[in-house]
Amino acid sequence: MGRKRRSRPEVDNVEDGGRATAIEEGISALVFTYAKNHALLEGVERLDYDLLRTIKGMTRDLEVAACTPRDWERAILLCYWIWREMEARGEGTLVLDLDMRTVEHENG
């Protein structure tokens, strides 16, 4: 998006650096493996506390540390719902509103 937090070098170093990228990839792999083992979360309304606690621990030194386990749970469940919808329809558009912190699926 072309915007960096250069005014806060410590944030830029930690959160835009390689360590944050590695953590992001680790969380993605962890959640994907969990989802694969639980039918891509179809019909799942609650995630295991241990998964959410692990994610919270992995992000404790990042800006997203402000997110609660419930925030993570909502985001994961919503994104997998959208994934299943797009896969079932074979198309669609992902609509993000970063200001409102929402993500939606629109049929294509």
PDB file of N, CA and C in Angstrom:
ATOM      1  N   MET A   1       0.811  -1.187   0.000  1.00  0.00           N
ATOM      2  CA  MET A   1       0.000   0.000   0.000  1.00  0.00           C
ATOM      3  C   MET A   1       0.856   1.253   0.000  1.00  0.00           C
ATOM      4  N   GLY A   2       2.164   1.068   0.061  1.00  0.00           N
ATOM      5  CA  GLY A   2       3.040   2.205  -0.079  1.00  0.00           C
ATOM      6  C   GLY A   2       3.209   3.042   1.172  1.00  0.00           C
ATOM      7  N   ARG A   3       2.620   2.608   2.290  1.00  0.00           N
ATOM      8  CA  ARG A   3       2.744   3.396   3.514  1.00  0.00           C
ATOM      9  C   ARG A   3       3.549   2.590   4.525  1.00  0.00           C
ATOM     10  N   LYS A   4       4.585   3.192   5.023  1.00  0.00           N
ATOM     11  CA  LYS A   4       5.394   2.572   6.062  1.00  0.00           C
ATOM     12  C   LYS A   4       5.382   3.479   7.279  1.00  0.00           C
ATOM     13  N   ARG A   5       5.624   2.891   8.412  1.00  0.00           N
ATOM     14  CA  ARG A   5       5.637   3.657   9.655  1.00  0.00           C
ATOM     15  C   ARG A   5       7.065   4.131   9.950  1.00  0.00           C
ATOM     16  N   ARG A   6       7.611   4.907   9.066  1.00  0.00           N
ATOM     17  CA  ARG A   6       8.989   5.375   9.231  1.00  0.00           C
ATOM     18  C   ARG A   6       9.148   6.294  10.440  1.00  0.00           C
ATOM     19  N   SER A   7       8.058   6.874  10.909  1.00  0.00           N
ATOM     20  CA  SER A   7       8.151   7.766  12.057  1.00  0.00           C
ATOM     21  C   SER A   7       8.430   6.990  13.344  1.00  0.00           C
ATOM     22  N   ARG A   8       8.207   5.686  13.319  1.00  0.00           N
ATOM     23  CA  ARG A   8       8.490   4.828  14.478  1.00  0.00           C
ATOM     24  C   ARG A   8       9.387   3.685  14.017  1.00  0.00           C
ATOM     25  N   PRO A   9      10.699   3.912  13.970  1.00  0.00           N
ATOM     26  CA  PRO A   9      11.619   2.909  13.420  1.00  0.00           C
ATOM     27  C   PRO A   9      11.525   1.545  14.089  1.00  0.00           C
ATOM     28  N   GLU A  10      11.267   1.509  15.404  1.00  0.00           N
ATOM     29  CA  GLU A  10      11.187   0.209  16.080  1.00  0.00           C
ATOM     30  C   GLU A  10       9.991  -0.597  15.599  1.00  0.00           C
ATOM     31  N   VAL A  11       8.880   0.090  15.302  1.00  0.00           N
ATOM     32  CA  VAL A  11       7.702  -0.589  14.758  1.00  0.00           C
ATOM     33  C   VAL A  11       7.996  -1.061  13.345  1.00  0.00           C
ATOM     34  N   ASP A  12       8.608  -0.207  12.549  1.00  0.00           N
ATOM     35  CA  ASP A  12       8.954  -0.570  11.182  1.00  0.00           C
ATOM     36  C   ASP A  12       9.868  -1.782  11.163  1.00  0.00           C
ATOM     37  N   ASN A  13      10.852  -1.809  12.027  1.00  0.00           N
ATOM     38  CA  ASN A  13      11.824  -2.896  12.067  1.00  0.00           C
ATOM     39  C   ASN A  13      11.180  -4.218  12.455  1.00  0.00           C
ATOM     40  N   VAL A  14      10.354  -4.198  13.483  1.00  0.00           N
ATOM     41  CA  VAL A  14       9.756  -5.427  13.994  1.00  0.00           C
ATOM     42  C   VAL A  14       8.596  -5.890  13.129  1.00  0.00           C
ATOM     43  N   GLU A  15       7.705  -4.997  12.788  1.00  0.00           N
ATOM     44  CA  GLU A  15       6.451  -5.401  12.179  1.00  0.00           C
ATOM     45  C   GLU A  15       6.481  -5.468  10.668  1.00  0.00           C
ATOM     46  N   ASP A  16       7.378  -4.778  10.031  1.00  0.00           N
ATOM     47  CA  ASP A  16       7.474  -4.854   8.583  1.00  0.00           C
ATOM     48  C   ASP A  16       8.680  -5.672   8.162  1.00  0.00           C
ATOM     49  N   GLY A  17       9.367  -6.221   9.128  1.00  0.00           N
ATOM     50  CA  GLY A  17      10.586  -6.956   8.848  1.00  0.00           C
ATOM     51  C   GLY A  17      10.352  -8.430   8.614  1.00  0.00           C
ATOM     52  N   GLY A  18      11.459  -9.114   8.416  1.00  0.00           N
ATOM     53  CA  GLY A  18      11.416 -10.539   8.124  1.00  0.00           C
ATOM     54  C   GLY A  18      10.813 -11.376   9.236  1.00  0.00           C
ATOM     55  N   ARG A  19      11.020 -10.986  10.473  1.00  0.00           N
ATOM     56  CA  ARG A  19      10.481 -11.773  11.592  1.00  0.00           C
ATOM     57  C   ARG A  19       8.962 -11.769  11.558  1.00  0.00           C
ATOM     58  N   ALA A  20       8.375 -10.605  11.316  1.00  0.00           N
ATOM     59  CA  ALA A  20       6.919 -10.520  11.248  1.00  0.00           C
ATOM     60  C   ALA A  20       6.386 -11.346  10.079  1.00  0.00           C
ATOM     61  N   THR A  21       7.107 -11.326   8.968  1.00  0.00           N
ATOM     62  CA  THR A  21       6.691 -12.107   7.807  1.00  0.00           C
ATOM     63  C   THR A  21       6.736 -13.595   8.133  1.00  0.00           C
ATOM     64  N   ALA A  22       7.777 -14.027   8.813  1.00  0.00           N
ATOM     65  CA  ALA A  22       7.894 -15.436   9.194  1.00  0.00           C
ATOM     66  C   ALA A  22       6.777 -15.830  10.156  1.00  0.00           C
ATOM     67  N   ILE A  23       6.451 -14.964  11.091  1.00  0.00           N
ATOM     68  CA  ILE A  23       5.360 -15.237  12.029  1.00  0.00           C
ATOM     69  C   ILE A  23       4.041 -15.334  11.282  1.00  0.00           C
ATOM     70  N   GLU A  24       3.806 -14.423  10.349  1.00  0.00           N
ATOM     71  CA  GLU A  24       2.576 -14.447   9.553  1.00  0.00           C
ATOM     72  C   GLU A  24       2.452 -15.764   8.789  1.00  0.00           C
ATOM     73  N   GLU A  25       3.534 -16.200   8.178  1.00  0.00           N
ATOM     74  CA  GLU A  25       3.516 -17.466   7.441  1.00  0.00           C
ATOM     75  C   GLU A  25       3.269 -18.638   8.388  1.00  0.00           C
ATOM     76  N   GLY A  26       3.860 -18.581   9.565  1.00  0.00           N
ATOM     77  CA  GLY A  26       3.645 -19.640  10.554  1.00  0.00           C
ATOM     78  C   GLY A  26       2.196 -19.722  10.999  1.00  0.00           C
ATOM     79  N   ILE A  27       1.589 -18.572  11.244  1.00  0.00           N
ATOM     80  CA  ILE A  27       0.176 -18.546  11.648  1.00  0.00           C
ATOM     81  C   ILE A  27      -0.696 -19.067  10.510  1.00  0.00           C
ATOM     82  N   SER A  28      -0.401 -18.661   9.288  1.00  0.00           N
ATOM     83  CA  SER A  28      -1.173 -19.135   8.139  1.00  0.00           C
ATOM     84  C   SER A  28      -1.099 -20.654   8.022  1.00  0.00           C
ATOM     85  N   ALA A  29       0.092 -21.210   8.167  1.00  0.00           N
ATOM     86  CA  ALA A  29       0.262 -22.662   8.078  1.00  0.00           C
ATOM     87  C   ALA A  29      -0.453 -23.368   9.220  1.00  0.00           C
ATOM     88  N   LEU A  30      -0.350 -22.821  10.409  1.00  0.00           N
ATOM     89  CA  LEU A  30      -1.000 -23.403  11.584  1.00  0.00           C
ATOM     90  C   LEU A  30      -2.517 -23.430  11.405  1.00  0.00           C
ATOM     91  N   VAL A  31      -3.088 -22.308  11.000  1.00  0.00           N
ATOM     92  CA  VAL A  31      -4.540 -22.210  10.831  1.00  0.00           C
ATOM     93  C   VAL A  31      -5.002 -23.089   9.681  1.00  0.00           C
ATOM     94  N   PHE A  32      -4.258 -23.121   8.585  1.00  0.00           N
ATOM     95  CA  PHE A  32      -4.652 -23.949   7.446  1.00  0.00           C
ATOM     96  C   PHE A  32      -4.649 -25.425   7.827  1.00  0.00           C
ATOM     97  N   THR A  33      -3.634 -25.870   8.541  1.00  0.00           N
ATOM     98  CA  THR A  33      -3.584 -27.262   8.983  1.00  0.00           C
ATOM     99  C   THR A  33      -4.755 -27.569   9.903  1.00  0.00           C
ATOM    100  N   TYR A  34      -5.039 -26.673  10.816  1.00  0.00           N
ATOM    101  CA  TYR A  34      -6.184 -26.845  11.721  1.00  0.00           C
ATOM    102  C   TYR A  34      -7.478 -26.935  10.910  1.00  0.00           C
ATOM    103  N   ALA A  35      -7.645 -26.025   9.952  1.00  0.00           N
ATOM    104  CA  ALA A  35      -8.869 -26.002   9.138  1.00  0.00           C
ATOM    105  C   ALA A  35      -9.003 -27.283   8.315  1.00  0.00           C
ATOM    106  N   LYS A  36      -7.909 -27.755   7.726  1.00  0.00           N
ATOM    107  CA  LYS A  36      -7.961 -28.994   6.951  1.00  0.00           C
ATOM    108  C   LYS A  36      -8.406 -30.168   7.820  1.00  0.00           C
ATOM    109  N   ASN A  37      -7.977 -30.170   9.060  1.00  0.00           N
ATOM    110  CA  ASN A  37      -8.343 -31.250   9.982  1.00  0.00           C
ATOM    111  C   ASN A  37      -9.757 -31.107  10.523  1.00  0.00           C
ATOM    112  N   HIS A  38     -10.420 -29.996  10.198  1.00  0.00           N
ATOM    113  CA  HIS A  38     -11.781 -29.736  10.675  1.00  0.00           C
ATOM    114  C   HIS A  38     -12.687 -29.302   9.519  1.00  0.00           C
ATOM    115  N   ALA A  39     -12.626 -30.046   8.398  1.00  0.00           N
ATOM    116  CA  ALA A  39     -13.510 -29.847   7.245  1.00  0.00           C
ATOM    117  C   ALA A  39     -13.550 -28.391   6.772  1.00  0.00           C
ATOM    118  N   LEU A  40     -12.383 -27.755   6.745  1.00  0.00           N
ATOM    119  CA  LEU A  40     -12.274 -26.338   6.363  1.00  0.00           C
ATOM    120  C   LEU A  40     -13.232 -25.465   7.173  1.00  0.00           C
ATOM    121  N   LEU A  41     -13.467 -25.884   8.403  1.00  0.00           N
ATOM    122  CA  LEU A  41     -14.253 -25.176   9.414  1.00  0.00           C
ATOM    123  C   LEU A  41     -15.738 -25.082   9.079  1.00  0.00           C
ATOM    124  N   GLU A  42     -16.192 -25.899   8.154  1.00  0.00           N
ATOM    125  CA  GLU A  42     -17.623 -25.906   7.835  1.00  0.00           C
ATOM    126  C   GLU A  42     -18.410 -26.410   9.040  1.00  0.00           C
ATOM    127  N   GLY A  43     -19.385 -25.626   9.458  1.00  0.00           N
ATOM    128  CA  GLY A  43     -20.205 -25.974  10.611  1.00  0.00           C
ATOM    129  C   GLY A  43     -19.539 -25.705  11.952  1.00  0.00           C
ATOM    130  N   VAL A  44     -18.323 -25.211  11.932  1.00  0.00           N
ATOM    131  CA  VAL A  44     -17.596 -24.912  13.169  1.00  0.00           C
ATOM    132  C   VAL A  44     -17.976 -23.509  13.629  1.00  0.00           C
ATOM    133  N   GLU A  45     -18.346 -23.391  14.890  1.00  0.00           N
ATOM    134  CA  GLU A  45     -18.719 -22.082  15.442  1.00  0.00           C
ATOM    135  C   GLU A  45     -17.701 -21.558  16.437  1.00  0.00           C
ATOM    136  N   ARG A  46     -16.890 -22.450  16.979  1.00  0.00           N
ATOM    137  CA  ARG A  46     -15.870 -22.059  17.959  1.00  0.00           C
ATOM    138  C   ARG A  46     -14.571 -22.785  17.629  1.00  0.00           C
ATOM    139  N   LEU A  47     -13.458 -22.072  17.747  1.00  0.00           N
ATOM    140  CA  LEU A  47     -12.151 -22.677  17.537  1.00  0.00           C
ATOM    141  C   LEU A  47     -11.576 -23.114  18.880  1.00  0.00           C
ATOM    142  N   ASP A  48     -10.686 -24.077  18.829  1.00  0.00           N
ATOM    143  CA  ASP A  48     -10.056 -24.565  20.053  1.00  0.00           C
ATOM    144  C   ASP A  48      -9.277 -23.441  20.729  1.00  0.00           C
ATOM    145  N   TYR A  49      -9.418 -23.370  22.034  1.00  0.00           N
ATOM    146  CA  TYR A  49      -8.737 -22.335  22.800  1.00  0.00           C
ATOM    147  C   TYR A  49      -7.221 -22.427  22.627  1.00  0.00           C
ATOM    148  N   ASP A  50      -6.692 -23.644  22.551  1.00  0.00           N
ATOM    149  CA  ASP A  50      -5.236 -23.801  22.403  1.00  0.00           C
ATOM    150  C   ASP A  50      -4.737 -23.165  21.108  1.00  0.00           C
ATOM    151  N   LEU A  51      -5.494 -23.283  20.025  1.00  0.00           N
ATOM    152  CA  LEU A  51      -5.116 -22.651  18.765  1.00  0.00           C
ATOM    153  C   LEU A  51      -5.075 -21.140  18.933  1.00  0.00           C
ATOM    154  N   LEU A  52      -6.120 -20.580  19.518  1.00  0.00           N
ATOM    155  CA  LEU A  52      -6.200 -19.128  19.692  1.00  0.00           C
ATOM    156  C   LEU A  52      -5.121 -18.624  20.647  1.00  0.00           C
ATOM    157  N   ARG A  53      -4.835 -19.381  21.675  1.00  0.00           N
ATOM    158  CA  ARG A  53      -3.784 -18.997  22.629  1.00  0.00           C
ATOM    159  C   ARG A  53      -2.417 -19.021  21.949  1.00  0.00           C
ATOM    160  N   THR A  54      -2.200 -19.997  21.077  1.00  0.00           N
ATOM    161  CA  THR A  54      -0.933 -20.080  20.345  1.00  0.00           C
ATOM    162  C   THR A  54      -0.768 -18.874  19.430  1.00  0.00           C
ATOM    163  N   ILE A  55      -1.818 -18.523  18.705  1.00  0.00           N
ATOM    164  CA  ILE A  55      -1.757 -17.354  17.826  1.00  0.00           C
ATOM    165  C   ILE A  55      -1.496 -16.092  18.637  1.00  0.00           C
ATOM    166  N   LYS A  56      -2.182 -15.939  19.736  1.00  0.00           N
ATOM    167  CA  LYS A  56      -1.991 -14.771  20.604  1.00  0.00           C
ATOM    168  C   LYS A  56      -0.540 -14.693  21.063  1.00  0.00           C
ATOM    169  N   GLY A  57       0.027 -15.830  21.443  1.00  0.00           N
ATOM    170  CA  GLY A  57       1.422 -15.862  21.877  1.00  0.00           C
ATOM    171  C   GLY A  57       2.390 -15.521  20.750  1.00  0.00           C
ATOM    172  N   MET A  58       2.108 -16.008  19.558  1.00  0.00           N
ATOM    173  CA  MET A  58       2.984 -15.747  18.422  1.00  0.00           C
ATOM    174  C   MET A  58       2.993 -14.273  18.038  1.00  0.00           C
ATOM    175  N   THR A  59       1.933 -13.560  18.343  1.00  0.00           N
ATOM    176  CA  THR A  59       1.805 -12.160  17.926  1.00  0.00           C
ATOM    177  C   THR A  59       2.038 -11.166  19.060  1.00  0.00           C
ATOM    178  N   ARG A  60       2.481 -11.636  20.194  1.00  0.00           N
ATOM    179  CA  ARG A  60       2.569 -10.749  21.365  1.00  0.00           C
ATOM    180  C   ARG A  60       3.489  -9.550  21.176  1.00  0.00           C
ATOM    181  N   ASP A  61       4.466  -9.648  20.275  1.00  0.00           N
ATOM    182  CA  ASP A  61       5.392  -8.531  20.053  1.00  0.00           C
ATOM    183  C   ASP A  61       5.068  -7.731  18.792  1.00  0.00           C
ATOM    184  N   LEU A  62       3.901  -7.969  18.222  1.00  0.00           N
ATOM    185  CA  LEU A  62       3.511  -7.289  16.985  1.00  0.00           C
ATOM    186  C   LEU A  62       2.336  -6.351  17.239  1.00  0.00           C
ATOM    187  N   GLU A  63       2.072  -5.497  16.278  1.00  0.00           N
ATOM    188  CA  GLU A  63       0.963  -4.551  16.389  1.00  0.00           C
ATOM    189  C   GLU A  63      -0.368  -5.267  16.601  1.00  0.00           C
ATOM    190  N   VAL A  64      -0.529  -6.443  16.008  1.00  0.00           N
ATOM    191  CA  VAL A  64      -1.779  -7.193  16.133  1.00  0.00           C
ATOM    192  C   VAL A  64      -1.951  -7.825  17.511  1.00  0.00           C
ATOM    193  N   ALA A  65      -1.010  -7.594  18.405  1.00  0.00           N
ATOM    194  CA  ALA A  65      -1.149  -8.093  19.781  1.00  0.00           C
ATOM    195  C   ALA A  65      -2.400  -7.520  20.440  1.00  0.00           C
ATOM    196  N   ALA A  66      -2.887  -6.402  19.924  1.00  0.00           N
ATOM    197  CA  ALA A  66      -4.105  -5.787  20.464  1.00  0.00           C
ATOM    198  C   ALA A  66      -5.347  -6.635  20.164  1.00  0.00           C
ATOM    199  N   CYS A  67      -5.250  -7.531  19.187  1.00  0.00           N
ATOM    200  CA  CYS A  67      -6.392  -8.384  18.840  1.00  0.00           C
ATOM    201  C   CYS A  67      -6.610  -9.435  19.926  1.00  0.00           C
ATOM    202  N   THR A  68      -7.862  -9.626  20.271  1.00  0.00           N
ATOM    203  CA  THR A  68      -8.214 -10.628  21.280  1.00  0.00           C
ATOM    204  C   THR A  68      -8.349 -11.995  20.611  1.00  0.00           C
ATOM    205  N   PRO A  69      -8.328 -13.059  21.409  1.00  0.00           N
ATOM    206  CA  PRO A  69      -8.600 -14.372  20.828  1.00  0.00           C
ATOM    207  C   PRO A  69      -9.941 -14.401  20.094  1.00  0.00           C
ATOM    208  N   ARG A  70     -10.935 -13.707  20.599  1.00  0.00           N
ATOM    209  CA  ARG A  70     -12.241 -13.643  19.923  1.00  0.00           C
ATOM    210  C   ARG A  70     -12.125 -12.942  18.577  1.00  0.00           C
ATOM    211  N   ASP A  71     -11.293 -11.883  18.488  1.00  0.00           N
ATOM    212  CA  ASP A  71     -11.049 -11.216  17.204  1.00  0.00           C
ATOM    213  C   ASP A  71     -10.455 -12.205  16.197  1.00  0.00           C
ATOM    214  N   TRP A  72      -9.464 -12.966  16.637  1.00  0.00           N
ATOM    215  CA  TRP A  72      -8.834 -13.957  15.771  1.00  0.00           C
ATOM    216  C   TRP A  72      -9.854 -15.009  15.343  1.00  0.00           C
ATOM    217  N   GLU A  73     -10.651 -15.466  16.282  1.00  0.00           N
ATOM    218  CA  GLU A  73     -11.646 -16.486  15.975  1.00  0.00           C
ATOM    219  C   GLU A  73     -12.627 -15.996  14.919  1.00  0.00           C
ATOM    220  N   ARG A  74     -13.147 -14.795  15.109  1.00  0.00           N
ATOM    221  CA  ARG A  74     -14.094 -14.221  14.140  1.00  0.00           C
ATOM    222  C   ARG A  74     -13.460 -14.096  12.765  1.00  0.00           C
ATOM    223  N   ALA A  75     -12.243 -13.592  12.717  1.00  0.00           N
ATOM    224  CA  ALA A  75     -11.559 -13.391  11.436  1.00  0.00           C
ATOM    225  C   ALA A  75     -11.320 -14.727  10.727  1.00  0.00           C
ATOM    226  N   ILE A  76     -10.861 -15.713  11.455  1.00  0.00           N
ATOM    227  CA  ILE A  76     -10.572 -17.018  10.863  1.00  0.00           C
ATOM    228  C   ILE A  76     -11.852 -17.670  10.355  1.00  0.00           C
ATOM    229  N   LEU A  77     -12.889 -17.688  11.176  1.00  0.00           N
ATOM    230  CA  LEU A  77     -14.144 -18.312  10.767  1.00  0.00           C
ATOM    231  C   LEU A  77     -14.760 -17.601   9.568  1.00  0.00           C
ATOM    232  N   LEU A  78     -14.720 -16.282   9.557  1.00  0.00           N
ATOM    233  CA  LEU A  78     -15.271 -15.519   8.440  1.00  0.00           C
ATOM    234  C   LEU A  78     -14.487 -15.789   7.160  1.00  0.00           C
ATOM    235  N   CYS A  79     -13.186 -15.771   7.243  1.00  0.00           N
ATOM    236  CA  CYS A  79     -12.376 -15.973   6.041  1.00  0.00           C
ATOM    237  C   CYS A  79     -12.542 -17.376   5.473  1.00  0.00           C
ATOM    238  N   TYR A  80     -12.676 -18.367   6.333  1.00  0.00           N
ATOM    239  CA  TYR A  80     -12.906 -19.717   5.813  1.00  0.00           C
ATOM    240  C   TYR A  80     -14.314 -19.862   5.259  1.00  0.00           C
ATOM    241  N   TRP A  81     -15.271 -19.146   5.805  1.00  0.00           N
ATOM    242  CA  TRP A  81     -16.610 -19.141   5.217  1.00  0.00           C
ATOM    243  C   TRP A  81     -16.549 -18.553   3.813  1.00  0.00           C
ATOM    244  N   ILE A  82     -15.849 -17.438   3.662  1.00  0.00           N
ATOM    245  CA  ILE A  82     -15.713 -16.804   2.353  1.00  0.00           C
ATOM    246  C   ILE A  82     -14.988 -17.743   1.390  1.00  0.00           C
ATOM    247  N   TRP A  83     -13.944 -18.406   1.853  1.00  0.00           N
ATOM    248  CA  TRP A  83     -13.201 -19.344   1.014  1.00  0.00           C
ATOM    249  C   TRP A  83     -14.138 -20.436   0.498  1.00  0.00           C
ATOM    250  N   ARG A  84     -14.922 -21.028   1.398  1.00  0.00           N
ATOM    251  CA  ARG A  84     -15.844 -22.093   0.995  1.00  0.00           C
ATOM    252  C   ARG A  84     -16.885 -21.570  -0.002  1.00  0.00           C
ATOM    253  N   GLU A  85     -17.379 -20.357   0.221  1.00  0.00           N
ATOM    254  CA  GLU A  85     -18.356 -19.761  -0.703  1.00  0.00           C
ATOM    255  C   GLU A  85     -17.753 -19.568  -2.092  1.00  0.00           C
ATOM    256  N   MET A  86     -16.551 -19.034  -2.136  1.00  0.00           N
ATOM    257  CA  MET A  86     -15.911 -18.788  -3.430  1.00  0.00           C
ATOM    258  C   MET A  86     -15.590 -20.106  -4.132  1.00  0.00           C
ATOM    259  N   GLU A  87     -15.168 -21.090  -3.364  1.00  0.00           N
ATOM    260  CA  GLU A  87     -14.866 -22.396  -3.952  1.00  0.00           C
ATOM    261  C   GLU A  87     -16.140 -23.048  -4.496  1.00  0.00           C
ATOM    262  N   ALA A  88     -17.217 -22.973  -3.761  1.00  0.00           N
ATOM    263  CA  ALA A  88     -18.482 -23.584  -4.180  1.00  0.00           C
ATOM    264  C   ALA A  88     -19.032 -22.922  -5.445  1.00  0.00           C
ATOM    265  N   ARG A  89     -18.860 -21.623  -5.565  1.00  0.00           N
ATOM    266  CA  ARG A  89     -19.393 -20.894  -6.713  1.00  0.00           C
ATOM    267  C   ARG A  89     -18.402 -20.807  -7.869  1.00  0.00           C
ATOM    268  N   GLY A  90     -17.147 -21.080  -7.562  1.00  0.00           N
ATOM    269  CA  GLY A  90     -16.122 -21.001  -8.599  1.00  0.00           C
ATOM    270  C   GLY A  90     -15.738 -19.592  -8.981  1.00  0.00           C
ATOM    271  N   GLU A  91     -16.270 -18.626  -8.237  1.00  0.00           N
ATOM    272  CA  GLU A  91     -15.957 -17.228  -8.518  1.00  0.00           C
ATOM    273  C   GLU A  91     -16.421 -16.363  -7.358  1.00  0.00           C
ATOM    274  N   GLY A  92     -16.121 -15.111  -7.461  1.00  0.00           N
ATOM    275  CA  GLY A  92     -16.562 -14.151  -6.464  1.00  0.00           C
ATOM    276  C   GLY A  92     -15.527 -13.074  -6.264  1.00  0.00           C
ATOM    277  N   THR A  93     -15.899 -12.087  -5.503  1.00  0.00           N
ATOM    278  CA  THR A  93     -15.024 -10.963  -5.223  1.00  0.00           C
ATOM    279  C   THR A  93     -14.923 -10.792  -3.720  1.00  0.00           C
ATOM    280  N   LEU A  94     -13.730 -10.600  -3.249  1.00  0.00           N
ATOM    281  CA  LEU A  94     -13.473 -10.335  -1.845  1.00  0.00           C
ATOM    282  C   LEU A  94     -13.457  -8.833  -1.659  1.00  0.00           C
ATOM    283  N   VAL A  95     -14.310  -8.317  -0.787  1.00  0.00           N
ATOM    284  CA  VAL A  95     -14.432  -6.876  -0.572  1.00  0.00           C
ATOM    285  C   VAL A  95     -13.940  -6.561   0.841  1.00  0.00           C
ATOM    286  N   LEU A  96     -12.880  -5.781   0.920  1.00  0.00           N
ATOM    287  CA  LEU A  96     -12.304  -5.389   2.207  1.00  0.00           C
ATOM    288  C   LEU A  96     -12.567  -3.918   2.458  1.00  0.00           C
ATOM    289  N   ASP A  97     -12.951  -3.598   3.671  1.00  0.00           N
ATOM    290  CA  ASP A  97     -13.055  -2.212   4.104  1.00  0.00           C
ATOM    291  C   ASP A  97     -12.156  -2.088   5.326  1.00  0.00           C
ATOM    292  N   LEU A  98     -10.967  -1.570   5.100  1.00  0.00           N
ATOM    293  CA  LEU A  98      -9.985  -1.490   6.182  1.00  0.00           C
ATOM    294  C   LEU A  98     -10.385  -0.495   7.260  1.00  0.00           C
ATOM    295  N   ASP A  99     -11.119   0.543   6.879  1.00  0.00           N
ATOM    296  CA  ASP A  99     -11.569   1.511   7.875  1.00  0.00           C
ATOM    297  C   ASP A  99     -12.624   0.901   8.801  1.00  0.00           C
ATOM    298  N   MET A 100     -13.550   0.165   8.208  1.00  0.00           N
ATOM    299  CA  MET A 100     -14.625  -0.452   8.993  1.00  0.00           C
ATOM    300  C   MET A 100     -14.219  -1.822   9.550  1.00  0.00           C
ATOM    301  N   ARG A 101     -13.050  -2.316   9.096  1.00  0.00           N
ATOM    302  CA  ARG A 101     -12.538  -3.622   9.535  1.00  0.00           C
ATOM    303  C   ARG A 101     -13.510  -4.744   9.189  1.00  0.00           C
ATOM    304  N   THR A 102     -13.968  -4.743   7.926  1.00  0.00           N
ATOM    305  CA  THR A 102     -14.890  -5.778   7.476  1.00  0.00           C
ATOM    306  C   THR A 102     -14.336  -6.457   6.228  1.00  0.00           C
ATOM    307  N   VAL A 103     -14.787  -7.679   6.015  1.00  0.00           N
ATOM    308  CA  VAL A 103     -14.475  -8.430   4.814  1.00  0.00           C
ATOM    309  C   VAL A 103     -15.766  -9.143   4.402  1.00  0.00           C
ATOM    310  N   GLU A 104     -16.058  -9.089   3.112  1.00  0.00           N
ATOM    311  CA  GLU A 104     -17.289  -9.676   2.615  1.00  0.00           C
ATOM    312  C   GLU A 104     -17.014 -10.404   1.307  1.00  0.00           C
ATOM    313  N   HIS A 105     -17.943 -11.238   0.939  1.00  0.00           N
ATOM    314  CA  HIS A 105     -17.883 -11.958  -0.324  1.00  0.00           C
ATOM    315  C   HIS A 105     -19.051 -11.499  -1.184  1.00  0.00           C
ATOM    316  N   GLU A 106     -18.759 -11.173  -2.440  1.00  0.00           N
ATOM    317  CA  GLU A 106     -19.804 -10.841  -3.388  1.00  0.00           C
ATOM    318  C   GLU A 106     -19.742 -11.839  -4.518  1.00  0.00           C
ATOM    319  N   ASN A 107     -20.906 -12.319  -4.955  1.00  0.00           N
ATOM    320  CA  ASN A 107     -20.946 -13.229  -6.102  1.00  0.00           C
ATOM    321  C   ASN A 107     -20.498 -12.496  -7.336  1.00  0.00           C
ATOM    322  N   GLY A 108     -19.767 -13.220  -8.177  1.00  0.00           N
ATOM    323  CA  GLY A 108     -19.248 -12.600  -9.398  1.00  0.00           C
ATOM    324  C   GLY A 108     -20.190 -12.711 -10.552  1.00  0.00           C
TER     325      GLY A 108
END
